[in-house]
């Protein structure tokens, strides 16, 4: 029985360029590793983890790669807030003479 059936939301992995195929203008530490991507989409056929598969992305792109995850989560973020940037909008409105909308701060 396959790990996932056609239509399952999955993630694939693919090496785009091997280290020796990358441009010489990259920093040394970057040149030493392959350029790779991970992409999510819907499986085009039943498959097992580790197999080469084709997926269809949310925008309809068909891409092949190694099947690495079933029902992957979105793991990216924007990092921790930068304290100096948290108040920049309020400060800018004051500088530009805009009125502070007190209702915006109420929950």
N, C-alpha and C. Protein backbone atom coordinates (compact mmCIF):
# COMPACT_ATOMS: atom_id res chain seq x y z
N UNK A 1 0.85 -1.19 0.00
CA UNK A 1 0.00 0.00 0.00
C UNK A 1 0.89 1.25 0.00
N UNK A 2 0.58 2.23 -0.84
CA UNK A 2 1.41 3.44 -0.91
C UNK A 2 1.28 4.29 0.35
N UNK A 3 2.32 5.12 0.61
CA UNK A 3 2.29 6.03 1.75
C UNK A 3 1.25 7.14 1.56
N UNK A 4 1.04 7.56 0.32
CA UNK A 4 0.09 8.63 0.03
C UNK A 4 -0.60 8.37 -1.29
N UNK A 5 -1.85 8.78 -1.36
CA UNK A 5 -2.65 8.59 -2.56
C UNK A 5 -2.67 9.84 -3.43
N UNK A 6 -3.00 9.67 -4.69
CA UNK A 6 -3.13 10.79 -5.62
C UNK A 6 -4.01 11.86 -4.98
N UNK A 7 -3.58 13.12 -5.08
CA UNK A 7 -4.36 14.23 -4.53
C UNK A 7 -3.96 14.64 -3.13
N UNK A 8 -3.06 13.87 -2.49
CA UNK A 8 -2.60 14.20 -1.14
C UNK A 8 -1.66 15.41 -1.19
N UNK A 9 -1.77 16.29 -0.19
CA UNK A 9 -0.88 17.46 -0.06
C UNK A 9 0.46 16.95 0.44
N UNK A 10 1.53 17.18 -0.34
CA UNK A 10 2.85 16.65 -0.01
C UNK A 10 3.94 17.70 -0.25
N UNK A 11 5.15 17.37 0.18
CA UNK A 11 6.31 18.21 -0.09
C UNK A 11 7.35 17.39 -0.83
N UNK A 12 7.98 18.04 -1.82
CA UNK A 12 9.06 17.39 -2.56
C UNK A 12 10.35 18.16 -2.36
N UNK A 13 11.45 17.51 -2.70
CA UNK A 13 12.79 18.11 -2.60
C UNK A 13 13.51 17.82 -3.90
N UNK A 14 14.30 18.81 -4.34
CA UNK A 14 15.06 18.61 -5.57
C UNK A 14 16.34 19.44 -5.50
N UNK A 15 17.44 18.86 -5.97
CA UNK A 15 18.69 19.60 -6.10
C UNK A 15 18.68 20.26 -7.48
N UNK A 16 18.77 21.58 -7.49
CA UNK A 16 18.72 22.34 -8.73
C UNK A 16 20.11 22.41 -9.36
N UNK A 17 21.12 22.72 -8.53
CA UNK A 17 22.50 22.78 -9.01
C UNK A 17 23.42 22.10 -8.00
N UNK A 18 24.32 21.27 -8.50
CA UNK A 18 25.34 20.66 -7.64
C UNK A 18 26.37 21.74 -7.31
N UNK A 19 27.15 21.55 -6.23
CA UNK A 19 28.14 22.58 -5.87
C UNK A 19 29.05 22.98 -7.04
N UNK A 20 29.50 22.01 -7.82
CA UNK A 20 30.41 22.32 -8.93
C UNK A 20 29.73 23.04 -10.09
N UNK A 21 28.41 23.08 -10.11
CA UNK A 21 27.66 23.76 -11.16
C UNK A 21 27.32 25.21 -10.80
N UNK A 22 27.57 25.59 -9.56
CA UNK A 22 27.21 26.93 -9.08
C UNK A 22 28.23 27.97 -9.54
N UNK A 23 27.81 29.20 -9.66
CA UNK A 23 28.70 30.28 -10.11
C UNK A 23 29.86 30.51 -9.14
N UNK A 24 30.98 30.92 -9.69
CA UNK A 24 32.18 31.18 -8.88
C UNK A 24 32.06 32.46 -8.08
N UNK A 25 31.09 33.30 -8.39
CA UNK A 25 30.95 34.59 -7.71
C UNK A 25 30.26 34.49 -6.35
N UNK A 26 29.88 33.31 -5.93
CA UNK A 26 29.22 33.12 -4.63
C UNK A 26 30.24 33.12 -3.50
N UNK A 27 29.80 33.45 -2.27
CA UNK A 27 30.70 33.30 -1.12
C UNK A 27 31.16 31.84 -1.01
N UNK A 28 32.35 31.62 -0.47
CA UNK A 28 32.92 30.27 -0.39
C UNK A 28 32.01 29.27 0.31
N UNK A 29 31.41 29.65 1.44
CA UNK A 29 30.56 28.71 2.16
C UNK A 29 29.32 28.33 1.36
N UNK A 30 28.82 29.25 0.54
CA UNK A 30 27.65 28.97 -0.30
C UNK A 30 28.01 28.07 -1.47
N UNK A 31 29.19 28.28 -2.05
CA UNK A 31 29.63 27.47 -3.20
C UNK A 31 29.79 26.00 -2.85
N UNK A 32 30.00 25.69 -1.59
CA UNK A 32 30.26 24.30 -1.16
C UNK A 32 29.02 23.44 -1.07
N UNK A 33 27.85 24.04 -1.12
CA UNK A 33 26.61 23.27 -0.95
C UNK A 33 25.75 23.36 -2.22
N UNK A 34 24.91 22.38 -2.46
CA UNK A 34 24.05 22.43 -3.64
C UNK A 34 22.94 23.47 -3.48
N UNK A 35 22.43 23.96 -4.60
CA UNK A 35 21.23 24.80 -4.59
C UNK A 35 20.06 23.83 -4.66
N UNK A 36 19.19 23.91 -3.68
CA UNK A 36 18.08 22.96 -3.62
C UNK A 36 16.79 23.68 -3.30
N UNK A 37 15.66 23.01 -3.56
CA UNK A 37 14.38 23.59 -3.20
C UNK A 37 13.47 22.52 -2.60
N UNK A 38 12.52 23.00 -1.86
CA UNK A 38 11.43 22.18 -1.33
C UNK A 38 10.15 22.86 -1.77
N UNK A 39 9.20 22.08 -2.23
CA UNK A 39 7.98 22.64 -2.78
C UNK A 39 6.80 21.78 -2.37
N UNK A 40 5.67 22.42 -2.14
CA UNK A 40 4.46 21.71 -1.73
C UNK A 40 3.44 21.71 -2.85
N UNK A 41 2.67 20.63 -2.90
CA UNK A 41 1.63 20.53 -3.90
C UNK A 41 0.85 19.23 -3.74
N UNK A 42 -0.02 18.98 -4.70
CA UNK A 42 -0.88 17.80 -4.67
C UNK A 42 -0.27 16.70 -5.53
N UNK A 43 -0.17 15.53 -4.95
CA UNK A 43 0.42 14.36 -5.60
C UNK A 43 -0.37 13.98 -6.85
N UNK A 44 0.32 13.71 -7.92
CA UNK A 44 -0.32 13.34 -9.18
C UNK A 44 -0.59 11.84 -9.30
N UNK A 45 0.02 11.04 -8.43
CA UNK A 45 -0.21 9.59 -8.46
C UNK A 45 0.12 9.02 -7.09
N UNK A 46 -0.40 7.86 -6.77
CA UNK A 46 -0.06 7.19 -5.51
C UNK A 46 1.46 7.01 -5.43
N UNK A 47 2.03 7.17 -4.23
CA UNK A 47 3.49 7.07 -4.13
C UNK A 47 3.92 6.78 -2.70
N UNK A 48 5.18 6.36 -2.58
CA UNK A 48 5.82 6.12 -1.29
C UNK A 48 6.87 7.19 -1.05
N UNK A 49 7.10 7.50 0.22
CA UNK A 49 8.13 8.45 0.59
C UNK A 49 9.46 8.03 -0.03
N UNK A 50 10.22 9.01 -0.50
CA UNK A 50 11.51 8.73 -1.11
C UNK A 50 11.47 8.53 -2.61
N UNK A 51 10.29 8.33 -3.17
CA UNK A 51 10.17 8.13 -4.61
C UNK A 51 10.19 9.46 -5.36
N UNK A 52 10.55 9.39 -6.63
CA UNK A 52 10.45 10.55 -7.53
C UNK A 52 8.99 10.66 -7.92
N UNK A 53 8.40 11.84 -7.69
CA UNK A 53 6.97 12.04 -7.96
C UNK A 53 6.75 13.34 -8.71
N UNK A 54 5.54 13.51 -9.20
CA UNK A 54 5.14 14.78 -9.80
C UNK A 54 4.01 15.34 -8.95
N UNK A 55 4.09 16.66 -8.69
CA UNK A 55 3.03 17.33 -7.94
C UNK A 55 2.47 18.47 -8.79
N UNK A 56 1.30 18.93 -8.39
CA UNK A 56 0.71 20.13 -8.99
C UNK A 56 0.59 21.13 -7.85
N UNK A 57 1.23 22.30 -8.02
CA UNK A 57 1.22 23.32 -6.98
C UNK A 57 -0.13 24.04 -6.96
N UNK A 58 -0.32 24.90 -5.96
CA UNK A 58 -1.56 25.65 -5.84
C UNK A 58 -1.83 26.55 -7.04
N UNK A 59 -0.77 26.95 -7.75
CA UNK A 59 -0.97 27.80 -8.93
C UNK A 59 -0.97 26.99 -10.23
N UNK A 60 -0.99 25.65 -10.10
CA UNK A 60 -1.11 24.79 -11.28
C UNK A 60 0.19 24.35 -11.93
N UNK A 61 1.32 24.69 -11.31
CA UNK A 61 2.61 24.29 -11.86
C UNK A 61 2.86 22.81 -11.61
N UNK A 62 3.36 22.09 -12.60
CA UNK A 62 3.71 20.67 -12.45
C UNK A 62 5.21 20.58 -12.23
N UNK A 63 5.61 19.94 -11.12
CA UNK A 63 7.02 19.86 -10.76
C UNK A 63 7.34 18.45 -10.27
N UNK A 64 8.52 17.94 -10.65
CA UNK A 64 8.96 16.62 -10.20
C UNK A 64 10.04 16.77 -9.14
N UNK A 65 10.06 15.84 -8.20
CA UNK A 65 11.07 15.85 -7.16
C UNK A 65 10.91 14.63 -6.26
N UNK A 66 11.78 14.53 -5.27
CA UNK A 66 11.76 13.42 -4.32
C UNK A 66 10.70 13.69 -3.25
N UNK A 67 9.80 12.76 -3.08
CA UNK A 67 8.70 12.85 -2.12
C UNK A 67 9.27 12.73 -0.72
N UNK A 68 9.17 13.84 0.10
CA UNK A 68 9.79 13.83 1.42
C UNK A 68 8.83 14.00 2.60
N UNK A 69 7.61 14.48 2.36
CA UNK A 69 6.73 14.74 3.50
C UNK A 69 5.26 14.68 3.09
N UNK A 70 4.44 14.12 3.97
CA UNK A 70 2.99 14.08 3.77
C UNK A 70 2.36 15.16 4.65
N UNK A 71 1.40 15.89 4.09
CA UNK A 71 0.72 16.99 4.80
C UNK A 71 1.70 17.92 5.51
N UNK A 72 2.64 18.51 4.78
CA UNK A 72 3.64 19.39 5.40
C UNK A 72 3.00 20.67 5.95
N UNK A 73 3.58 21.14 7.03
CA UNK A 73 3.12 22.38 7.63
C UNK A 73 3.91 23.55 7.04
N UNK A 74 3.38 24.74 7.20
CA UNK A 74 4.15 25.94 6.86
C UNK A 74 5.01 26.24 8.06
N UNK A 75 6.33 26.21 7.88
CA UNK A 75 7.27 26.35 8.99
C UNK A 75 8.00 27.68 9.00
N UNK A 76 7.77 28.52 8.00
CA UNK A 76 8.51 29.77 7.92
C UNK A 76 7.89 30.84 8.82
N UNK A 77 8.66 31.82 9.13
CA UNK A 77 8.20 32.95 9.92
C UNK A 77 9.08 34.15 9.60
N UNK A 78 8.83 35.22 10.29
CA UNK A 78 9.60 36.44 10.05
C UNK A 78 10.56 36.72 11.20
N UNK A 79 10.75 35.73 12.08
CA UNK A 79 11.68 35.90 13.18
C UNK A 79 11.07 36.69 14.33
N UNK A 80 11.90 36.97 15.30
CA UNK A 80 11.46 37.73 16.47
C UNK A 80 11.24 39.20 16.10
N UNK A 81 10.30 39.84 16.78
CA UNK A 81 10.09 41.27 16.50
C UNK A 81 11.34 42.08 16.86
N UNK A 82 11.59 43.13 16.09
CA UNK A 82 12.69 44.04 16.37
C UNK A 82 12.09 45.20 17.17
N UNK A 83 12.45 45.32 18.46
CA UNK A 83 11.83 46.34 19.31
C UNK A 83 11.84 47.74 18.71
N UNK A 84 12.93 48.13 18.05
CA UNK A 84 13.03 49.46 17.47
C UNK A 84 12.03 49.69 16.33
N UNK A 85 11.57 48.59 15.71
CA UNK A 85 10.63 48.73 14.59
C UNK A 85 9.17 48.65 15.01
N UNK A 86 8.89 48.18 16.21
CA UNK A 86 7.51 48.00 16.65
C UNK A 86 6.73 49.31 16.71
N UNK A 87 7.39 50.39 17.06
CA UNK A 87 6.70 51.67 17.22
C UNK A 87 6.92 52.62 16.05
N UNK A 88 7.59 52.18 15.02
CA UNK A 88 7.94 53.09 13.92
C UNK A 88 6.71 53.67 13.22
N UNK A 89 5.66 52.90 13.06
CA UNK A 89 4.45 53.41 12.41
C UNK A 89 3.82 54.53 13.22
N UNK A 90 3.70 54.34 14.52
CA UNK A 90 3.13 55.36 15.40
C UNK A 90 3.99 56.61 15.39
N UNK A 91 5.31 56.43 15.49
CA UNK A 91 6.21 57.58 15.48
C UNK A 91 6.14 58.35 14.17
N UNK A 92 6.05 57.64 13.06
CA UNK A 92 5.98 58.29 11.76
C UNK A 92 4.69 59.08 11.62
N UNK A 93 3.57 58.54 12.08
CA UNK A 93 2.30 59.28 12.01
C UNK A 93 2.38 60.57 12.83
N UNK A 94 3.04 60.52 13.97
CA UNK A 94 3.21 61.73 14.80
C UNK A 94 4.07 62.76 14.08
N UNK A 95 5.16 62.31 13.47
CA UNK A 95 6.05 63.22 12.75
C UNK A 95 5.32 63.87 11.58
N UNK A 96 4.51 63.10 10.87
CA UNK A 96 3.81 63.60 9.70
C UNK A 96 2.53 64.36 10.06
N UNK A 97 2.22 64.40 11.36
CA UNK A 97 1.06 65.17 11.81
C UNK A 97 -0.25 64.43 11.73
N UNK A 98 -0.21 63.12 11.52
CA UNK A 98 -1.44 62.35 11.49
C UNK A 98 -2.00 62.17 12.88
N UNK A 99 -3.31 61.98 12.97
CA UNK A 99 -3.93 61.77 14.26
C UNK A 99 -3.88 60.30 14.62
N UNK A 100 -3.63 60.03 15.88
CA UNK A 100 -3.59 58.66 16.38
C UNK A 100 -5.02 58.17 16.56
N UNK A 101 -5.34 57.05 16.02
CA UNK A 101 -6.68 56.49 16.14
C UNK A 101 -6.71 55.59 17.36
N UNK A 102 -7.27 56.10 18.45
CA UNK A 102 -7.30 55.35 19.72
C UNK A 102 -8.11 54.06 19.59
N UNK A 103 -9.16 54.07 18.78
CA UNK A 103 -10.03 52.90 18.64
C UNK A 103 -9.25 51.72 18.05
N UNK A 104 -8.22 52.00 17.29
CA UNK A 104 -7.43 50.94 16.65
C UNK A 104 -6.73 50.09 17.68
N UNK A 105 -6.43 50.67 18.86
CA UNK A 105 -5.70 49.96 19.89
C UNK A 105 -6.61 49.17 20.83
N UNK A 106 -7.90 49.38 20.73
CA UNK A 106 -8.83 48.67 21.62
C UNK A 106 -9.14 47.30 21.02
N UNK A 107 -9.30 46.34 21.89
CA UNK A 107 -9.66 45.00 21.42
C UNK A 107 -11.10 44.70 21.71
